[in-house]
C-alpha atoms as a PDB file:
ATOM      1  CA  MET A   1       0.000   0.000   0.000  1.00  0.00           C
ATOM      2  CA  LEU A   2       1.432   3.347  -1.000  1.00  0.00           C
ATOM      3  CA  THR A   3       0.464   6.405   1.004  1.00  0.00           C
ATOM      4  CA  ARG A   4       1.924   9.875   0.986  1.00  0.00           C
ATOM      5  CA  SER A   5       2.253  11.771   4.203  1.00  0.00           C
ATOM      6  CA  SER A   6       4.575  14.220   5.868  1.00  0.00           C
ATOM      7  CA  THR A   7       4.964  12.051   8.972  1.00  0.00           C
ATOM      8  CA  PRO A   8       5.090   8.293   9.300  1.00  0.00           C
ATOM      9  CA  ARG A   9       2.064   6.617  10.841  1.00  0.00           C
ATOM     10  CA  SER A  10       2.652   4.835  14.116  1.00  0.00           C
ATOM     11  CA  ASP A  11      -0.650   2.890  14.216  1.00  0.00           C
ATOM     12  CA  ALA A  12       0.052   0.761  11.142  1.00  0.00           C
ATOM     13  CA  ALA A  13       2.222  -2.285  10.568  1.00  0.00           C
ATOM     14  CA  PRO A  14       5.983  -1.852  10.268  1.00  0.00           C
ATOM     15  CA  GLN A  15       6.755   0.529   7.456  1.00  0.00           C
ATOM     16  CA  HIS A  16       9.534   1.516   5.139  1.00  0.00           C
ATOM     17  CA  THR A  17       9.954   5.196   4.358  1.00  0.00           C
ATOM     18  CA  SER A  18      11.902   6.986   1.695  1.00  0.00           C
ATOM     19  CA  VAL A  19      12.196  10.566   0.529  1.00  0.00           C
ATOM     20  CA  CYS A  20      11.774  11.270  -3.144  1.00  0.00           C
ATOM     21  CA  ALA A  21      11.798  14.818  -4.581  1.00  0.00           C
ATOM     22  CA  GLY A  22      11.258  16.335  -1.134  1.00  0.00           C
ATOM     23  CA  VAL A  23       8.179  14.208  -0.398  1.00  0.00           C
ATOM     24  CA  GLN A  24       8.324  11.447   2.144  1.00  0.00           C
ATOM     25  CA  VAL A  25       6.778   8.231   0.787  1.00  0.00           C
ATOM     26  CA  VAL A  26       5.650   5.615   3.287  1.00  0.00           C
ATOM     27  CA  TYR A  27       5.400   1.977   2.220  1.00  0.00           C
ATOM     28  CA  ALA A  28       3.493  -0.343   4.509  1.00  0.00           C
ATOM     29  CA  GLU A  29       5.112  -3.760   4.685  1.00  0.00           C
ATOM     30  CA  GLU A  30       2.763  -6.507   3.774  1.00  0.00           C
ATOM     31  CA  ARG A  31       3.854  -9.916   4.873  1.00  0.00           C
ATOM     32  CA  ARG A  32       1.897 -12.177   2.615  1.00  0.00           C
ATOM     33  CA  MET A  33       3.107 -15.431   1.211  1.00  0.00           C
ATOM     34  CA  ALA A  34       2.565 -16.331  -2.381  1.00  0.00           C
ATOM     35  CA  ARG A  35      -0.604 -18.270  -3.040  1.00  0.00           C
ATOM     36  CA  ASN A  36      -0.211 -21.891  -3.905  1.00  0.00           C
ATOM     37  CA  ALA A  37      -1.600 -23.618  -6.956  1.00  0.00           C
ATOM     38  CA  ARG A  38      -4.713 -24.950  -5.218  1.00  0.00           C
ATOM     39  CA  PRO A  39      -7.069 -22.231  -6.410  1.00  0.00           C
ATOM     40  CA  THR A  40      -6.000 -22.979  -9.979  1.00  0.00           C
ATOM     41  CA  ALA A  41      -6.494 -26.724  -9.467  1.00  0.00           C
ATOM     42  CA  ALA A  42      -9.842 -26.101  -7.782  1.00  0.00           C
ATOM     43  CA  LYS A  43     -10.902 -23.889 -10.662  1.00  0.00           C
ATOM     44  CA  ARG A  44      -9.915 -26.593 -13.143  1.00  0.00           C
ATOM     45  CA  GLU A  45     -11.993 -29.137 -11.177  1.00  0.00           C
ATOM     46  CA  ARG A  46     -14.995 -26.773 -11.248  1.00  0.00           C
ATOM     47  CA  GLU A  47     -14.573 -26.321 -14.991  1.00  0.00           C
ATOM     48  CA  LYS A  48     -14.412 -30.112 -15.508  1.00  0.00           C
ATOM     49  CA  ALA A  49     -17.556 -30.582 -13.429  1.00  0.00           C
ATOM     50  CA  LEU A  50     -19.314 -27.852 -15.409  1.00  0.00           C
ATOM     51  CA  ILE A  51     -18.385 -29.463 -18.732  1.00  0.00           C
ATOM     52  CA  GLU A  52     -19.553 -32.856 -17.472  1.00  0.00           C
ATOM     53  CA  ARG A  53     -22.896 -31.421 -16.335  1.00  0.00           C
ATOM     54  CA  ARG A  54     -23.366 -29.777 -19.747  1.00  0.00           C
ATOM     55  CA  GLN A  55     -22.680 -33.087 -21.491  1.00  0.00           C
ATOM     56  CA  GLN A  56     -25.120 -34.937 -19.229  1.00  0.00           C
ATOM     57  CA  LYS A  57     -27.774 -32.307 -19.847  1.00  0.00           C
ATOM     58  CA  ALA A  58     -27.261 -32.517 -23.614  1.00  0.00           C
ATOM     59  CA  ALA A  59     -27.582 -36.313 -23.433  1.00  0.00           C
ATOM     60  CA  ARG A  60     -30.827 -36.025 -21.411  1.00  0.00           C
ATOM     61  CA  ARG A  61     -32.218 -33.571 -23.959  1.00  0.00           C
ATOM     62  CA  GLN A  62     -31.286 -35.873 -26.841  1.00  0.00           C
ATOM     63  CA  ASP A  63     -32.931 -38.852 -25.084  1.00  0.00           C
ATOM     64  CA  ALA A  64     -36.105 -36.862 -24.476  1.00  0.00           C
ATOM     65  CA  LYS A  65     -36.151 -35.725 -28.093  1.00  0.00           C
ATOM     66  CA  GLU A  66     -35.808 -39.306 -29.326  1.00  0.00           C
ATOM     67  CA  ARG A  67     -38.465 -40.525 -26.891  1.00  0.00           C
ATOM     68  CA  LYS A  68     -40.918 -37.888 -28.083  1.00  0.00           C
ATOM     69  CA  ALA A  69     -40.226 -38.802 -31.702  1.00  0.00           C
ATOM     70  CA  THR A  70     -40.924 -42.523 -31.157  1.00  0.00           C
ATOM     71  CA  THR A  71     -43.871 -42.331 -28.744  1.00  0.00           C
ATOM     72  CA  GLY A  72     -46.993 -40.255 -28.321  1.00  0.00           C
ATOM     73  CA  PRO A  73     -49.726 -39.441 -30.803  1.00  0.00           C
ATOM     74  CA  ASP A  74     -48.895 -39.713 -34.464  1.00  0.00           C
ATOM     75  CA  ARG A  75     -49.076 -36.085 -35.436  1.00  0.00           C
ATOM     76  CA  ALA A  76     -47.547 -36.624 -38.838  1.00  0.00           C
ATOM     77  CA  LEU A  77     -50.820 -38.208 -39.966  1.00  0.00           C
ATOM     78  CA  GLY A  78     -52.910 -35.508 -38.331  1.00  0.00           C
ATOM     79  CA  ASP A  79     -54.653 -37.850 -35.869  1.00  0.00           C
ATOM     80  CA  ASP A  80     -54.808 -35.993 -32.583  1.00  0.00           C
ATOM     81  CA  PRO A  81     -57.325 -37.636 -30.245  1.00  0.00           C
ATOM     82  CA  ASP A  82     -58.101 -34.335 -28.525  1.00  0.00           C
ATOM     83  CA  ILE A  83     -59.445 -32.715 -31.690  1.00  0.00           C
ATOM     84  CA  ALA A  84     -60.492 -35.755 -33.757  1.00  0.00           C
ATOM     85  CA  HIS A  85     -64.231 -35.129 -33.197  1.00  0.00           C
ATOM     86  CA  ILE A  86     -64.152 -31.440 -34.199  1.00  0.00           C
ATOM     87  CA  LYS A  87     -65.449 -30.512 -37.649  1.00  0.00           C
ATOM     88  CA  LEU A  88     -64.743 -27.361 -39.626  1.00  0.00           C
ATOM     89  CA  GLY A  89     -67.189 -24.507 -39.253  1.00  0.00           C
ATOM     90  CA  PRO A  90     -69.519 -23.678 -36.401  1.00  0.00           C
ATOM     91  CA  GLN A  91     -69.523 -26.299 -33.666  1.00  0.00           C
ATOM     92  CA  PRO A  92     -72.699 -27.794 -32.232  1.00  0.00           C
ATOM     93  CA  PRO A  93     -73.480 -26.717 -28.652  1.00  0.00           C
ATOM     94  CA  ALA A  94     -71.999 -28.806 -25.885  1.00  0.00           C
ATOM     95  CA  ASP A  95     -74.233 -31.050 -23.737  1.00  0.00           C
ATOM     96  CA  TRP A  96     -74.305 -28.575 -20.864  1.00  0.00           C
ATOM     97  CA  GLN A  97     -75.403 -25.813 -23.233  1.00  0.00           C
ATOM     98  CA  LEU A  98     -78.522 -27.659 -24.465  1.00  0.00           C
ATOM     99  CA  GLU A  99     -81.855 -26.716 -22.889  1.00  0.00           C
ATOM    100  CA  GLU A 100     -84.200 -29.514 -21.994  1.00  0.00           C
END
């Protein structure tokens, strides 16, 4: 962390000061160790899991698509049981609409 001040701070961690062009520059010492390779390896594992999930999802979609193509009503012939009884033009009234 680089801060500029005229006097060194006494409340911070040990510091290194230097004077450059008449301005005192205070460098706070940060004692951090280098990070190991685990985050990179963990990220790679997450990426592998993500790719595997995508492949599984694509396979499920393909299976569902094939299942729909082989089963269910034959719509290629136009035989849908839900609308087989309907004729073109005005429809006759339903049973509950008839007056007795």
